[in-house]
Amino acid sequence: MPLLIKLYGRLREHLKELNFEKGLPATYSIEDNSVHYIYDILEKYGINENELSHIFVNGKYCGIGKEVRDGDRVGLFPKNMALMFVEIKN
């Protein structure tokens, strides 16, 4: 099962070869045995950590050292789309 990746805002520019609808996040799937952590995704697509404001895996806020597994959903937000984020624990 692949990883589902969503790149928001300016991060979409890292996938120029794909044609995405304007205004929507770039959503695509990858199956790559060399991707084990968020930083592997950043390296694979030439995304610099300094470009990011927030990273979510399966809806939970995380950092670039987060391990990813098949079926995970990864959302990457650029600095110009920084969120005011607070996790509320039940």
Protein backbone atom coordinates (compact mmCIF):
# COMPACT_ATOMS: atom_id res chain seq x y z
CA MET A 1 0.00 0.00 0.00
CA PRO A 2 1.46 3.40 -0.94
CA LEU A 3 1.94 6.61 1.03
CA LEU A 4 -0.49 9.41 0.21
CA ILE A 5 1.37 12.75 0.02
CA LYS A 6 -0.28 16.20 -0.01
CA LEU A 7 1.84 19.25 -0.79
CA TYR A 8 0.20 22.59 -0.08
CA GLY A 9 0.90 26.06 -1.49
CA ARG A 10 4.37 26.72 -2.89
CA LEU A 11 5.52 23.18 -2.12
CA ARG A 12 3.52 22.07 -5.19
CA GLU A 13 6.29 23.64 -7.31
CA HIS A 14 8.52 20.69 -6.41
CA LEU A 15 6.32 18.52 -8.65
CA LYS A 16 6.34 20.63 -11.83
CA GLU A 17 6.09 17.53 -14.01
CA LEU A 18 2.59 16.82 -12.68
CA ASN A 19 -0.42 18.94 -13.61
CA PHE A 20 -2.53 19.72 -10.53
CA GLU A 21 -5.69 21.78 -10.35
CA LYS A 22 -4.97 25.36 -9.28
CA GLY A 23 -5.78 26.14 -5.65
CA LEU A 24 -5.86 22.53 -4.48
CA PRO A 25 -3.05 20.67 -2.74
CA ALA A 26 -0.89 18.42 -4.90
CA THR A 27 -2.10 14.95 -3.92
CA TYR A 28 -0.27 11.88 -5.13
CA SER A 29 0.74 8.40 -4.03
CA ILE A 30 4.24 6.97 -3.81
CA GLU A 31 5.51 3.44 -3.39
CA ASP A 32 9.20 3.66 -2.58
CA ASN A 33 11.05 1.21 -0.37
CA SER A 34 13.69 3.87 0.40
CA VAL A 35 11.17 6.15 2.16
CA HIS A 36 11.04 5.40 5.89
CA TYR A 37 10.88 8.89 7.46
CA ILE A 38 9.52 12.32 6.57
CA TYR A 39 13.05 13.52 5.81
CA ASP A 40 13.28 10.81 3.11
CA ILE A 41 10.27 12.39 1.38
CA LEU A 42 11.85 15.84 1.62
CA GLU A 43 15.09 14.54 0.13
CA LYS A 44 13.30 12.64 -2.64
CA TYR A 45 11.50 15.79 -3.85
CA GLY A 46 14.17 18.39 -3.10
CA ILE A 47 12.19 20.11 -0.34
CA ASN A 48 14.33 22.02 2.15
CA GLU A 49 13.29 21.75 5.80
CA ASN A 50 13.39 25.57 5.98
CA GLU A 51 10.49 25.72 3.49
CA LEU A 52 8.13 23.92 5.89
CA SER A 53 5.87 25.28 8.58
CA HIS A 54 3.89 22.16 9.52
CA ILE A 55 3.98 18.42 8.89
CA PHE A 56 1.09 16.08 9.58
CA VAL A 57 1.01 12.29 9.37
CA ASN A 58 -2.47 10.76 9.57
CA GLY A 59 -3.78 14.09 10.90
CA LYS A 60 -1.24 14.33 13.73
CA TYR A 61 1.39 17.06 13.94
CA CYS A 62 4.97 15.74 13.72
CA GLY A 63 8.56 16.54 12.73
CA ILE A 64 10.88 15.40 9.95
CA GLY A 65 12.11 12.44 12.00
CA LYS A 66 8.67 10.82 12.05
CA GLU A 67 8.64 7.29 10.69
CA VAL A 68 6.11 6.65 7.92
CA ARG A 69 4.50 3.37 6.94
CA ASP A 70 2.48 2.08 4.02
CA GLY A 71 -0.97 3.62 3.99
CA ASP A 72 0.03 6.76 5.92
CA ARG A 73 -1.28 10.16 4.81
CA VAL A 74 1.37 12.91 4.86
CA GLY A 75 0.53 16.63 4.65
CA LEU A 76 3.33 19.18 4.13
CA PHE A 77 2.61 22.91 4.55
CA PRO A 78 4.96 25.73 3.44
CA LYS A 79 6.01 28.67 5.63
CA ASN A 80 3.65 31.05 3.83
CA MET A 81 0.73 28.85 4.95
CA ALA A 82 1.75 28.59 8.62
CA LEU A 83 -1.08 27.53 10.87
CA MET A 84 -1.93 28.38 14.43
CA PHE A 85 -2.06 24.80 15.60
CA VAL A 86 -2.89 23.41 19.01
CA GLU A 87 -3.44 19.70 19.56
CA ILE A 88 -6.34 19.02 21.90
CA LYS A 89 -6.01 15.72 23.72
CA ASN A 90 -9.22 13.88 24.64
